[in-house]
Amino acid sequence: MFTLILVIHVIVSLVMIATVLLQSGKGADIGSTFGGSSSSNQTIFGSAGPATMLAKVTYGCAAIFMITSLTLTYMSTRQKTESIMEDVPSTMAPAPSSPSPTPVAPAAAPEPAK
C-alpha cells in the first residue's frame, strides 16, 4: 500500500511540475496595459478571466499531492508491532565454561613519608 501511494505521489508531482511550467505567468500581458496593444482582455487589477484547463489540472494535482503527502507521513510514522525476527527460532546463549574470576581486593596504599 505504501509503495502504491508513493508511486502516485511521484507521478502527481511530475504532472504538477509540467502543468506549472506550461502555464503563462500572471504578468505575461502586463506590457499591454501600459501602451501596448489594447486587444488584451486582462488588466493589472482587473479580472483574470476564467481558469484554464491547465490551472484546473494544477489545482487537482495540488490537492492529490497534499493528500498523498499526509498519507505517506502518517504511514511512515506509525509504530510497527511486527518484527522481522518473529520466524527465527530463539536460541539460548551458551553458559560460560569457566566460573567468573573473584574480585581481587586492592592493595593497601603506602604510608606517606614524614
N, C-alpha and C. Protein backbone atom coordinates (compact mmCIF):
# COMPACT_ATOMS: atom_id res chain seq x y z
N MET A 1 0.83 -1.19 0.00
CA MET A 1 0.00 0.00 0.00
C MET A 1 0.88 1.26 0.00
N PHE A 2 1.93 1.23 0.81
CA PHE A 2 2.84 2.37 0.89
C PHE A 2 3.49 2.64 -0.46
N THR A 3 3.90 1.57 -1.15
CA THR A 3 4.56 1.73 -2.44
C THR A 3 3.60 2.30 -3.48
N LEU A 4 2.36 1.87 -3.48
CA LEU A 4 1.36 2.37 -4.43
C LEU A 4 1.14 3.87 -4.23
N ILE A 5 0.99 4.28 -2.99
CA ILE A 5 0.77 5.70 -2.71
C ILE A 5 2.01 6.51 -3.07
N LEU A 6 3.18 5.94 -2.84
CA LEU A 6 4.42 6.64 -3.19
C LEU A 6 4.54 6.82 -4.70
N VAL A 7 4.17 5.80 -5.48
CA VAL A 7 4.20 5.91 -6.94
C VAL A 7 3.22 6.97 -7.42
N ILE A 8 2.02 6.98 -6.86
CA ILE A 8 1.02 8.01 -7.21
C ILE A 8 1.55 9.40 -6.86
N HIS A 9 2.18 9.52 -5.72
CA HIS A 9 2.74 10.80 -5.27
C HIS A 9 3.79 11.33 -6.25
N VAL A 10 4.67 10.45 -6.70
CA VAL A 10 5.72 10.87 -7.63
C VAL A 10 5.13 11.26 -8.99
N ILE A 11 4.18 10.47 -9.48
CA ILE A 11 3.55 10.78 -10.78
C ILE A 11 2.82 12.11 -10.71
N VAL A 12 2.06 12.33 -9.64
CA VAL A 12 1.31 13.58 -9.49
C VAL A 12 2.27 14.76 -9.39
N SER A 13 3.38 14.59 -8.70
CA SER A 13 4.32 15.71 -8.59
C SER A 13 4.94 16.04 -9.94
N LEU A 14 5.24 15.04 -10.75
CA LEU A 14 5.78 15.30 -12.08
C LEU A 14 4.75 15.99 -12.99
N VAL A 15 3.50 15.55 -12.92
CA VAL A 15 2.43 16.19 -13.72
C VAL A 15 2.23 17.63 -13.26
N MET A 16 2.29 17.85 -11.96
CA MET A 16 2.10 19.21 -11.45
C MET A 16 3.25 20.12 -11.89
N ILE A 17 4.46 19.62 -11.88
CA ILE A 17 5.60 20.41 -12.36
C ILE A 17 5.42 20.78 -13.83
N ALA A 18 4.99 19.81 -14.63
CA ALA A 18 4.80 20.06 -16.06
C ALA A 18 3.70 21.09 -16.31
N THR A 19 2.57 20.98 -15.59
CA THR A 19 1.48 21.92 -15.82
C THR A 19 1.83 23.33 -15.36
N VAL A 20 2.60 23.44 -14.29
CA VAL A 20 3.01 24.77 -13.84
C VAL A 20 3.95 25.41 -14.86
N LEU A 21 4.86 24.62 -15.41
CA LEU A 21 5.80 25.17 -16.38
C LEU A 21 5.14 25.50 -17.71
N LEU A 22 4.05 24.84 -18.05
CA LEU A 22 3.37 25.12 -19.32
C LEU A 22 2.48 26.36 -19.25
N GLN A 23 2.10 26.78 -18.06
CA GLN A 23 1.22 27.93 -17.94
C GLN A 23 1.99 29.22 -18.16
N SER A 24 1.27 30.21 -18.67
CA SER A 24 1.89 31.53 -18.80
C SER A 24 1.75 32.25 -17.47
N GLY A 25 2.70 33.11 -17.17
CA GLY A 25 2.69 33.81 -15.91
C GLY A 25 1.59 34.86 -15.85
N LYS A 26 1.25 35.29 -14.63
CA LYS A 26 0.21 36.31 -14.47
C LYS A 26 0.67 37.65 -15.02
N GLY A 27 1.95 37.90 -15.04
CA GLY A 27 2.46 39.17 -15.54
C GLY A 27 2.85 39.12 -17.00
N ALA A 28 2.43 38.09 -17.74
CA ALA A 28 2.82 37.94 -19.13
C ALA A 28 2.26 39.06 -20.01
N ASP A 29 1.09 39.57 -19.69
CA ASP A 29 0.46 40.61 -20.50
C ASP A 29 0.54 41.98 -19.84
N ILE A 30 1.43 42.16 -18.92
CA ILE A 30 1.50 43.43 -18.21
C ILE A 30 1.97 44.56 -19.13
N GLY A 31 2.76 44.24 -20.14
CA GLY A 31 3.23 45.27 -21.06
C GLY A 31 2.10 45.86 -21.89
N SER A 32 1.07 45.08 -22.13
CA SER A 32 -0.04 45.59 -22.96
C SER A 32 -0.88 46.61 -22.20
N THR A 33 -0.82 46.63 -20.90
CA THR A 33 -1.63 47.59 -20.15
C THR A 33 -0.99 48.97 -20.12
N PHE A 34 0.30 49.04 -20.41
CA PHE A 34 0.99 50.34 -20.39
C PHE A 34 1.33 50.80 -21.80
N GLY A 35 0.39 50.76 -22.69
CA GLY A 35 0.59 51.33 -24.01
C GLY A 35 0.82 50.30 -25.10
N GLY A 36 0.77 49.04 -24.77
CA GLY A 36 0.90 48.02 -25.80
C GLY A 36 -0.42 47.87 -26.55
N SER A 37 -0.63 46.76 -27.16
CA SER A 37 -1.90 46.55 -27.87
C SER A 37 -3.04 46.52 -26.88
N SER A 38 -4.12 47.15 -27.24
CA SER A 38 -5.26 47.23 -26.32
C SER A 38 -6.26 46.10 -26.53
N SER A 39 -5.87 45.08 -27.30
CA SER A 39 -6.80 43.98 -27.54
C SER A 39 -6.82 42.96 -26.42
N SER A 40 -5.93 43.11 -25.44
CA SER A 40 -5.88 42.16 -24.33
C SER A 40 -7.06 42.39 -23.40
N ASN A 41 -7.63 41.32 -22.91
CA ASN A 41 -8.78 41.45 -22.01
C ASN A 41 -8.35 41.45 -20.55
N GLN A 42 -7.02 41.38 -20.28
CA GLN A 42 -6.55 41.38 -18.91
C GLN A 42 -6.02 42.77 -18.56
N THR A 43 -6.25 43.19 -17.36
CA THR A 43 -5.69 44.43 -16.87
C THR A 43 -4.93 44.12 -15.60
N ILE A 44 -4.23 45.10 -15.11
CA ILE A 44 -3.41 44.85 -13.92
C ILE A 44 -4.27 44.45 -12.73
N PHE A 45 -5.29 45.20 -12.44
CA PHE A 45 -6.10 44.93 -11.26
C PHE A 45 -7.48 44.38 -11.62
N GLY A 46 -7.68 44.00 -12.83
CA GLY A 46 -8.99 43.52 -13.25
C GLY A 46 -9.12 42.02 -13.11
N SER A 47 -10.16 41.51 -13.71
CA SER A 47 -10.46 40.08 -13.65
C SER A 47 -9.43 39.31 -14.47
N ALA A 48 -9.05 38.20 -13.97
CA ALA A 48 -8.07 37.36 -14.66
C ALA A 48 -8.75 36.45 -15.67
N GLY A 49 -10.04 36.45 -15.72
CA GLY A 49 -10.76 35.60 -16.66
C GLY A 49 -10.96 34.21 -16.10
N PRO A 50 -11.59 33.37 -16.89
CA PRO A 50 -11.88 32.02 -16.41
C PRO A 50 -10.59 31.20 -16.29
N ALA A 51 -10.62 30.24 -15.38
CA ALA A 51 -9.44 29.38 -15.18
C ALA A 51 -9.27 28.47 -16.39
N THR A 52 -8.06 28.33 -16.84
CA THR A 52 -7.77 27.48 -17.98
C THR A 52 -7.76 26.02 -17.55
N MET A 53 -7.69 25.16 -18.55
CA MET A 53 -7.65 23.73 -18.26
C MET A 53 -6.37 23.38 -17.48
N LEU A 54 -5.25 24.01 -17.82
CA LEU A 54 -4.00 23.74 -17.10
C LEU A 54 -4.10 24.17 -15.64
N ALA A 55 -4.79 25.26 -15.37
CA ALA A 55 -4.96 25.71 -13.99
C ALA A 55 -5.80 24.71 -13.20
N LYS A 56 -6.84 24.17 -13.82
CA LYS A 56 -7.67 23.18 -13.14
C LYS A 56 -6.90 21.90 -12.86
N VAL A 57 -6.06 21.48 -13.81
CA VAL A 57 -5.23 20.30 -13.61
C VAL A 57 -4.24 20.56 -12.48
N THR A 58 -3.68 21.77 -12.43
CA THR A 58 -2.75 22.11 -11.37
C THR A 58 -3.43 22.07 -10.00
N TYR A 59 -4.64 22.60 -9.90
CA TYR A 59 -5.37 22.57 -8.64
C TYR A 59 -5.65 21.13 -8.21
N GLY A 60 -6.06 20.30 -9.15
CA GLY A 60 -6.33 18.90 -8.83
C GLY A 60 -5.08 18.16 -8.39
N CYS A 61 -3.98 18.40 -9.09
CA CYS A 61 -2.71 17.76 -8.72
C CYS A 61 -2.24 18.24 -7.35
N ALA A 62 -2.44 19.50 -7.06
CA ALA A 62 -2.04 20.03 -5.76
C ALA A 62 -2.84 19.37 -4.64
N ALA A 63 -4.13 19.17 -4.86
CA ALA A 63 -4.97 18.52 -3.85
C ALA A 63 -4.53 17.07 -3.64
N ILE A 64 -4.30 16.35 -4.73
CA ILE A 64 -3.86 14.95 -4.62
C ILE A 64 -2.48 14.88 -3.97
N PHE A 65 -1.60 15.82 -4.31
CA PHE A 65 -0.26 15.86 -3.74
C PHE A 65 -0.32 16.05 -2.23
N MET A 66 -1.19 16.94 -1.76
CA MET A 66 -1.34 17.17 -0.32
C MET A 66 -1.86 15.93 0.39
N ILE A 67 -2.86 15.29 -0.21
CA ILE A 67 -3.44 14.09 0.41
C ILE A 67 -2.42 12.96 0.48
N THR A 68 -1.68 12.74 -0.60
CA THR A 68 -0.69 11.67 -0.58
C THR A 68 0.46 12.01 0.36
N SER A 69 0.82 13.28 0.47
CA SER A 69 1.87 13.67 1.41
C SER A 69 1.47 13.36 2.85
N LEU A 70 0.26 13.73 3.21
CA LEU A 70 -0.22 13.45 4.57
C LEU A 70 -0.34 11.96 4.82
N THR A 71 -0.82 11.21 3.82
CA THR A 71 -0.96 9.77 3.97
C THR A 71 0.39 9.09 4.14
N LEU A 72 1.37 9.48 3.32
CA LEU A 72 2.70 8.90 3.44
C LEU A 72 3.35 9.24 4.78
N THR A 73 3.13 10.45 5.25
CA THR A 73 3.67 10.83 6.55
C THR A 73 3.05 10.00 7.66
N TYR A 74 1.74 9.83 7.62
CA TYR A 74 1.05 9.03 8.63
C TYR A 74 1.52 7.58 8.59
N MET A 75 1.63 7.03 7.39
CA MET A 75 2.01 5.63 7.27
C MET A 75 3.46 5.38 7.68
N SER A 76 4.34 6.34 7.49
CA SER A 76 5.74 6.13 7.82
C SER A 76 6.03 6.34 9.30
N THR A 77 5.15 7.01 10.03
CA THR A 77 5.41 7.28 11.44
C THR A 77 4.66 6.34 12.38
N ARG A 78 3.86 5.45 11.85
CA ARG A 78 3.13 4.52 12.72
C ARG A 78 4.11 3.58 13.40
N GLN A 79 3.79 3.20 14.63
CA GLN A 79 4.60 2.23 15.35
C GLN A 79 4.37 0.86 14.77
N LYS A 80 5.44 0.16 14.47
CA LYS A 80 5.32 -1.19 13.94
C LYS A 80 5.38 -2.16 15.11
N THR A 81 4.41 -3.05 15.16
CA THR A 81 4.37 -4.03 16.23
C THR A 81 4.94 -5.37 15.77
N GLU A 82 5.20 -5.49 14.50
CA GLU A 82 5.75 -6.73 13.99
C GLU A 82 7.26 -6.66 13.97
N SER A 83 7.87 -7.83 13.99
CA SER A 83 9.31 -7.91 13.95
C SER A 83 9.72 -8.83 12.82
N ILE A 84 10.83 -8.54 12.18
CA ILE A 84 11.31 -9.43 11.13
C ILE A 84 11.92 -10.69 11.71
N MET A 85 12.13 -10.70 13.02
CA MET A 85 12.75 -11.84 13.68
C MET A 85 11.73 -12.80 14.29
N GLU A 86 10.44 -12.63 14.00
CA GLU A 86 9.41 -13.49 14.59
C GLU A 86 9.54 -14.94 14.14
N ASP A 87 9.96 -15.16 12.91
CA ASP A 87 10.02 -16.52 12.38
C ASP A 87 11.33 -17.23 12.71
N VAL A 88 12.28 -16.55 13.28
CA VAL A 88 13.57 -17.14 13.61
C VAL A 88 13.45 -17.83 14.97
N PRO A 89 13.85 -19.12 15.05
CA PRO A 89 13.77 -19.80 16.36
C PRO A 89 14.76 -19.18 17.34
N SER A 90 14.32 -19.08 18.56
CA SER A 90 15.19 -18.48 19.57
C SER A 90 16.20 -19.52 20.05
N THR A 91 17.39 -19.08 20.33
CA THR A 91 18.44 -19.96 20.84
C THR A 91 18.93 -19.41 22.16
N MET A 92 19.35 -20.32 23.01
CA MET A 92 19.87 -19.92 24.32
C MET A 92 21.33 -19.56 24.17
N ALA A 93 21.78 -18.59 24.90
CA ALA A 93 23.19 -18.22 24.89
C ALA A 93 23.97 -19.31 25.62
N PRO A 94 25.17 -19.66 25.15
CA PRO A 94 25.93 -20.72 25.82
C PRO A 94 26.37 -20.26 27.21
N ALA A 95 26.35 -21.24 28.13
CA ALA A 95 26.77 -20.95 29.51
C ALA A 95 28.28 -20.75 29.53
N PRO A 96 28.77 -19.89 30.37
CA PRO A 96 30.22 -19.69 30.43
C PRO A 96 30.91 -20.97 30.87
N SER A 97 32.03 -21.31 30.22
CA SER A 97 32.73 -22.56 30.51
C SER A 97 33.53 -22.49 31.79
N SER A 98 34.01 -21.35 32.16
CA SER A 98 34.77 -21.24 33.41
C SER A 98 34.05 -20.26 34.32
N PRO A 99 34.15 -20.51 35.61
CA PRO A 99 33.48 -19.56 36.51
C PRO A 99 34.15 -18.20 36.44
N SER A 100 33.39 -17.21 36.76
CA SER A 100 33.93 -15.85 36.69
C SER A 100 34.98 -15.66 37.77
N PRO A 101 36.05 -14.93 37.48
CA PRO A 101 37.10 -14.74 38.49
C PRO A 101 36.58 -13.92 39.65
N THR A 102 37.12 -14.24 40.82
CA THR A 102 36.70 -13.50 42.01
C THR A 102 37.43 -12.16 42.03
N PRO A 103 36.77 -11.13 42.49
CA PRO A 103 37.42 -9.82 42.50
C PRO A 103 38.59 -9.82 43.50
N VAL A 104 39.64 -9.16 43.14
CA VAL A 104 40.84 -9.06 43.98
C VAL A 104 40.73 -7.76 44.75
N ALA A 105 41.05 -7.85 46.05
CA ALA A 105 40.99 -6.67 46.91
C ALA A 105 42.15 -5.75 46.54
N PRO A 106 41.94 -4.47 46.51
CA PRO A 106 43.04 -3.55 46.17
C PRO A 106 44.13 -3.57 47.24
N ALA A 107 45.32 -3.38 46.81
CA ALA A 107 46.43 -3.37 47.76
C ALA A 107 46.36 -2.12 48.62
N ALA A 108 46.90 -2.24 49.82
CA ALA A 108 46.87 -1.10 50.73
C ALA A 108 47.80 -0.03 50.21
N ALA A 109 47.40 1.18 50.35
CA ALA A 109 48.21 2.32 49.88
C ALA A 109 49.41 2.50 50.82
N PRO A 110 50.58 2.82 50.27
CA PRO A 110 51.74 3.02 51.14
C PRO A 110 51.57 4.28 52.00
N GLU A 111 52.19 4.24 53.15
CA GLU A 111 52.06 5.37 54.06
C GLU A 111 52.88 6.54 53.54
N PRO A 112 52.38 7.73 53.70
CA PRO A 112 53.14 8.89 53.24
C PRO A 112 54.40 9.09 54.10
N ALA A 113 55.44 9.56 53.47
CA ALA A 113 56.71 9.79 54.17
C ALA A 113 56.61 11.04 55.04
N LYS A 114 57.31 11.00 56.24
CA LYS A 114 57.24 12.13 57.15
C LYS A 114 58.39 13.04 56.98
